[in-house]
Amino acid sequence: MPQLNPAPWFAILVFSWLVLLTVVPQKVLNHSFTNEITTVSTKAPKSNNWNWPWH
């Protein structure tokens, strides 16, 4: 029964993981974001109160 012989399947598993662990992180780290990150001001925005008479 060739299914019980782990030698070729284990090698395929190890080599496929090695390829994935070397190729995928490089592709992920090379990803560039379209929106630049900007810092948020610590000052609260000035809001105008609505002093409308409620009749």
PDB file of N, CA and C in Angstrom:
ATOM      1  N   MET A   1       0.837  -1.179   0.000  1.00  0.00           N
ATOM      2  CA  MET A   1       0.000   0.000   0.000  1.00  0.00           C
ATOM      3  C   MET A   1       0.888   1.252   0.000  1.00  0.00           C
ATOM      4  N   PRO A   2       0.964   1.961  -1.093  1.00  0.00           N
ATOM      5  CA  PRO A   2       1.861   3.111  -1.170  1.00  0.00           C
ATOM      6  C   PRO A   2       1.404   4.290  -0.309  1.00  0.00           C
ATOM      7  N   GLN A   3       0.153   4.315   0.105  1.00  0.00           N
ATOM      8  CA  GLN A   3      -0.324   5.435   0.913  1.00  0.00           C
ATOM      9  C   GLN A   3       0.357   5.467   2.280  1.00  0.00           C
ATOM     10  N   LEU A   4       0.829   4.322   2.746  1.00  0.00           N
ATOM     11  CA  LEU A   4       1.422   4.257   4.067  1.00  0.00           C
ATOM     12  C   LEU A   4       2.892   4.645   4.068  1.00  0.00           C
ATOM     13  N   ASN A   5       3.490   4.829   2.909  1.00  0.00           N
ATOM     14  CA  ASN A   5       4.882   5.230   2.832  1.00  0.00           C
ATOM     15  C   ASN A   5       4.952   6.761   2.926  1.00  0.00           C
ATOM     16  N   PRO A   6       5.426   7.320   4.058  1.00  0.00           N
ATOM     17  CA  PRO A   6       5.394   8.776   4.222  1.00  0.00           C
ATOM     18  C   PRO A   6       6.561   9.499   3.565  1.00  0.00           C
ATOM     19  N   ALA A   7       7.529   8.783   3.031  1.00  0.00           N
ATOM     20  CA  ALA A   7       8.743   9.432   2.531  1.00  0.00           C
ATOM     21  C   ALA A   7       8.466  10.470   1.445  1.00  0.00           C
ATOM     22  N   PRO A   8       7.780  10.162   0.344  1.00  0.00           N
ATOM     23  CA  PRO A   8       7.610  11.214  -0.671  1.00  0.00           C
ATOM     24  C   PRO A   8       6.640  12.308  -0.224  1.00  0.00           C
ATOM     25  N   TRP A   9       5.599  11.954   0.536  1.00  0.00           N
ATOM     26  CA  TRP A   9       4.601  12.940   0.931  1.00  0.00           C
ATOM     27  C   TRP A   9       5.159  13.893   1.973  1.00  0.00           C
ATOM     28  N   PHE A  10       6.001  13.406   2.858  1.00  0.00           N
ATOM     29  CA  PHE A  10       6.603  14.284   3.863  1.00  0.00           C
ATOM     30  C   PHE A  10       7.558  15.280   3.207  1.00  0.00           C
ATOM     31  N   ALA A  11       8.317  14.823   2.224  1.00  0.00           N
ATOM     32  CA  ALA A  11       9.232  15.721   1.518  1.00  0.00           C
ATOM     33  C   ALA A  11       8.451  16.793   0.761  1.00  0.00           C
ATOM     34  N   ILE A  12       7.369  16.390   0.124  1.00  0.00           N
ATOM     35  CA  ILE A  12       6.525  17.363  -0.590  1.00  0.00           C
ATOM     36  C   ILE A  12       5.941  18.375   0.389  1.00  0.00           C
ATOM     37  N   LEU A  13       5.496  17.902   1.543  1.00  0.00           N
ATOM     38  CA  LEU A  13       4.946  18.802   2.560  1.00  0.00           C
ATOM     39  C   LEU A  13       6.002  19.797   3.046  1.00  0.00           C
ATOM     40  N   VAL A  14       7.189  19.315   3.325  1.00  0.00           N
ATOM     41  CA  VAL A  14       8.240  20.192   3.840  1.00  0.00           C
ATOM     42  C   VAL A  14       8.651  21.209   2.783  1.00  0.00           C
ATOM     43  N   PHE A  15       8.856  20.780   1.554  1.00  0.00           N
ATOM     44  CA  PHE A  15       9.266  21.713   0.509  1.00  0.00           C
ATOM     45  C   PHE A  15       8.179  22.726   0.183  1.00  0.00           C
ATOM     46  N   SER A  16       6.933  22.302   0.205  1.00  0.00           N
ATOM     47  CA  SER A  16       5.858  23.259  -0.073  1.00  0.00           C
ATOM     48  C   SER A  16       5.779  24.312   1.035  1.00  0.00           C
ATOM     49  N   TRP A  17       5.963  23.912   2.303  1.00  0.00           N
ATOM     50  CA  TRP A  17       5.967  24.888   3.391  1.00  0.00           C
ATOM     51  C   TRP A  17       7.158  25.817   3.289  1.00  0.00           C
ATOM     52  N   LEU A  18       8.311  25.302   2.901  1.00  0.00           N
ATOM     53  CA  LEU A  18       9.476  26.168   2.740  1.00  0.00           C
ATOM     54  C   LEU A  18       9.249  27.205   1.648  1.00  0.00           C
ATOM     55  N   VAL A  19       8.634  26.786   0.558  1.00  0.00           N
ATOM     56  CA  VAL A  19       8.349  27.731  -0.527  1.00  0.00           C
ATOM     57  C   VAL A  19       7.335  28.773  -0.055  1.00  0.00           C
ATOM     58  N   LEU A  20       6.290  28.327   0.619  1.00  0.00           N
ATOM     59  CA  LEU A  20       5.277  29.272   1.094  1.00  0.00           C
ATOM     60  C   LEU A  20       5.845  30.250   2.115  1.00  0.00           C
ATOM     61  N   LEU A  21       6.706  29.770   2.992  1.00  0.00           N
ATOM     62  CA  LEU A  21       7.249  30.648   4.025  1.00  0.00           C
ATOM     63  C   LEU A  21       8.320  31.596   3.496  1.00  0.00           C
ATOM     64  N   THR A  22       8.839  31.348   2.316  1.00  0.00           N
ATOM     65  CA  THR A  22       9.812  32.280   1.743  1.00  0.00           C
ATOM     66  C   THR A  22       9.186  33.239   0.742  1.00  0.00           C
ATOM     67  N   VAL A  23       8.134  32.820   0.063  1.00  0.00           N
ATOM     68  CA  VAL A  23       7.523  33.661  -0.976  1.00  0.00           C
ATOM     69  C   VAL A  23       6.432  34.561  -0.407  1.00  0.00           C
ATOM     70  N   VAL A  24       5.550  34.021   0.404  1.00  0.00           N
ATOM     71  CA  VAL A  24       4.389  34.771   0.868  1.00  0.00           C
ATOM     72  C   VAL A  24       4.777  35.964   1.745  1.00  0.00           C
ATOM     73  N   PRO A  25       5.676  35.836   2.735  1.00  0.00           N
ATOM     74  CA  PRO A  25       6.012  37.032   3.532  1.00  0.00           C
ATOM     75  C   PRO A  25       6.624  38.157   2.706  1.00  0.00           C
ATOM     76  N   GLN A  26       7.403  37.828   1.691  1.00  0.00           N
ATOM     77  CA  GLN A  26       7.979  38.875   0.845  1.00  0.00           C
ATOM     78  C   GLN A  26       6.888  39.621   0.095  1.00  0.00           C
ATOM     79  N   LYS A  27       5.899  38.895  -0.393  1.00  0.00           N
ATOM     80  CA  LYS A  27       4.808  39.537  -1.121  1.00  0.00           C
ATOM     81  C   LYS A  27       3.969  40.405  -0.184  1.00  0.00           C
ATOM     82  N   VAL A  28       3.756  39.934   1.022  1.00  0.00           N
ATOM     83  CA  VAL A  28       2.954  40.705   1.975  1.00  0.00           C
ATOM     84  C   VAL A  28       3.707  41.951   2.419  1.00  0.00           C
ATOM     85  N   LEU A  29       5.010  41.829   2.677  1.00  0.00           N
ATOM     86  CA  LEU A  29       5.771  42.980   3.134  1.00  0.00           C
ATOM     87  C   LEU A  29       5.985  44.011   2.032  1.00  0.00           C
ATOM     88  N   ASN A  30       5.924  43.609   0.781  1.00  0.00           N
ATOM     89  CA  ASN A  30       6.087  44.553  -0.322  1.00  0.00           C
ATOM     90  C   ASN A  30       4.789  45.276  -0.672  1.00  0.00           C
ATOM     91  N   HIS A  31       3.717  44.925   0.002  1.00  0.00           N
ATOM     92  CA  HIS A  31       2.423  45.552  -0.275  1.00  0.00           C
ATOM     93  C   HIS A  31       2.468  47.010   0.150  1.00  0.00           C
ATOM     94  N   SER A  32       2.018  47.885  -0.720  1.00  0.00           N
ATOM     95  CA  SER A  32       1.978  49.307  -0.384  1.00  0.00           C
ATOM     96  C   SER A  32       0.532  49.752  -0.226  1.00  0.00           C
ATOM     97  N   PHE A  33       0.297  50.534   0.791  1.00  0.00           N
ATOM     98  CA  PHE A  33      -1.046  51.025   1.060  1.00  0.00           C
ATOM     99  C   PHE A  33      -1.321  52.261   0.215  1.00  0.00           C
ATOM    100  N   THR A  34      -2.550  52.409  -0.238  1.00  0.00           N
ATOM    101  CA  THR A  34      -2.905  53.546  -1.074  1.00  0.00           C
ATOM    102  C   THR A  34      -3.101  54.811  -0.242  1.00  0.00           C
ATOM    103  N   ASN A  35      -3.539  54.678   0.997  1.00  0.00           N
ATOM    104  CA  ASN A  35      -3.780  55.838   1.851  1.00  0.00           C
ATOM    105  C   ASN A  35      -2.605  56.004   2.799  1.00  0.00           C
ATOM    106  N   GLU A  36      -2.060  57.197   2.837  1.00  0.00           N
ATOM    107  CA  GLU A  36      -0.973  57.476   3.762  1.00  0.00           C
ATOM    108  C   GLU A  36      -1.552  57.690   5.160  1.00  0.00           C
ATOM    109  N   ILE A  37      -0.846  57.240   6.142  1.00  0.00           N
ATOM    110  CA  ILE A  37      -1.295  57.395   7.518  1.00  0.00           C
ATOM    111  C   ILE A  37      -0.944  58.808   7.984  1.00  0.00           C
ATOM    112  N   THR A  38      -1.935  59.510   8.514  1.00  0.00           N
ATOM    113  CA  THR A  38      -1.715  60.860   9.015  1.00  0.00           C
ATOM    114  C   THR A  38      -1.966  60.878  10.520  1.00  0.00           C
ATOM    115  N   THR A  39      -1.256  61.736  11.201  1.00  0.00           N
ATOM    116  CA  THR A  39      -1.452  61.838  12.645  1.00  0.00           C
ATOM    117  C   THR A  39      -2.672  62.704  12.932  1.00  0.00           C
ATOM    118  N   VAL A  40      -3.376  62.343  13.967  1.00  0.00           N
ATOM    119  CA  VAL A  40      -4.584  63.067  14.348  1.00  0.00           C
ATOM    120  C   VAL A  40      -4.197  64.137  15.363  1.00  0.00           C
ATOM    121  N   SER A  41      -4.767  65.305  15.182  1.00  0.00           N
ATOM    122  CA  SER A  41      -4.486  66.410  16.099  1.00  0.00           C
ATOM    123  C   SER A  41      -5.090  66.113  17.467  1.00  0.00           C
ATOM    124  N   THR A  42      -4.399  66.541  18.526  1.00  0.00           N
ATOM    125  CA  THR A  42      -4.902  66.312  19.880  1.00  0.00           C
ATOM    126  C   THR A  42      -5.911  67.366  20.301  1.00  0.00           C
ATOM    127  N   LYS A  43      -5.986  68.473  19.570  1.00  0.00           N
ATOM    128  CA  LYS A  43      -6.951  69.513  19.903  1.00  0.00           C
ATOM    129  C   LYS A  43      -8.343  69.093  19.436  1.00  0.00           C
ATOM    130  N   ALA A  44      -9.316  69.403  20.265  1.00  0.00           N
ATOM    131  CA  ALA A  44     -10.699  69.103  19.903  1.00  0.00           C
ATOM    132  C   ALA A  44     -11.161  70.109  18.858  1.00  0.00           C
ATOM    133  N   PRO A  45     -11.909  69.672  17.876  1.00  0.00           N
ATOM    134  CA  PRO A  45     -12.386  70.622  16.873  1.00  0.00           C
ATOM    135  C   PRO A  45     -13.403  71.601  17.495  1.00  0.00           C
ATOM    136  N   LYS A  46     -13.336  72.854  17.049  1.00  0.00           N
ATOM    137  CA  LYS A  46     -14.242  73.866  17.579  1.00  0.00           C
ATOM    138  C   LYS A  46     -15.611  73.670  16.957  1.00  0.00           C
ATOM    139  N   SER A  47     -16.599  73.564  17.824  1.00  0.00           N
ATOM    140  CA  SER A  47     -17.967  73.394  17.327  1.00  0.00           C
ATOM    141  C   SER A  47     -18.793  74.613  17.712  1.00  0.00           C
ATOM    142  N   ASN A  48     -19.621  75.035  16.804  1.00  0.00           N
ATOM    143  CA  ASN A  48     -20.505  76.177  17.061  1.00  0.00           C
ATOM    144  C   ASN A  48     -21.825  75.650  17.620  1.00  0.00           C
ATOM    145  N   ASN A  49     -22.246  76.265  18.733  1.00  0.00           N
ATOM    146  CA  ASN A  49     -23.520  75.864  19.326  1.00  0.00           C
ATOM    147  C   ASN A  49     -24.665  76.455  18.531  1.00  0.00           C
ATOM    148  N   TRP A  50     -25.750  75.726  18.467  1.00  0.00           N
ATOM    149  CA  TRP A  50     -26.950  76.209  17.798  1.00  0.00           C
ATOM    150  C   TRP A  50     -27.854  76.825  18.853  1.00  0.00           C
ATOM    151  N   ASN A  51     -27.866  78.123  18.893  1.00  0.00           N
ATOM    152  CA  ASN A  51     -28.705  78.828  19.854  1.00  0.00           C
ATOM    153  C   ASN A  51     -30.032  79.192  19.200  1.00  0.00           C
ATOM    154  N   TRP A  52     -30.769  78.232  18.750  1.00  0.00           N
ATOM    155  CA  TRP A  52     -32.052  78.491  18.117  1.00  0.00           C
ATOM    156  C   TRP A  52     -33.145  78.423  19.155  1.00  0.00           C
ATOM    157  N   PRO A  53     -34.080  79.325  19.065  1.00  0.00           N
ATOM    158  CA  PRO A  53     -35.223  79.218  19.985  1.00  0.00           C
ATOM    159  C   PRO A  53     -36.148  78.074  19.525  1.00  0.00           C
ATOM    160  N   TRP A  54     -36.432  77.210  20.456  1.00  0.00           N
ATOM    161  CA  TRP A  54     -37.301  76.060  20.138  1.00  0.00           C
ATOM    162  C   TRP A  54     -38.712  76.394  20.604  1.00  0.00           C
ATOM    163  N   HIS A  55     -39.571  76.783  19.665  1.00  0.00           N
ATOM    164  CA  HIS A  55     -40.965  77.161  19.987  1.00  0.00           C
ATOM    165  C   HIS A  55     -41.873  76.054  19.578  1.00  0.00           C
TER     166      HIS A  55
END
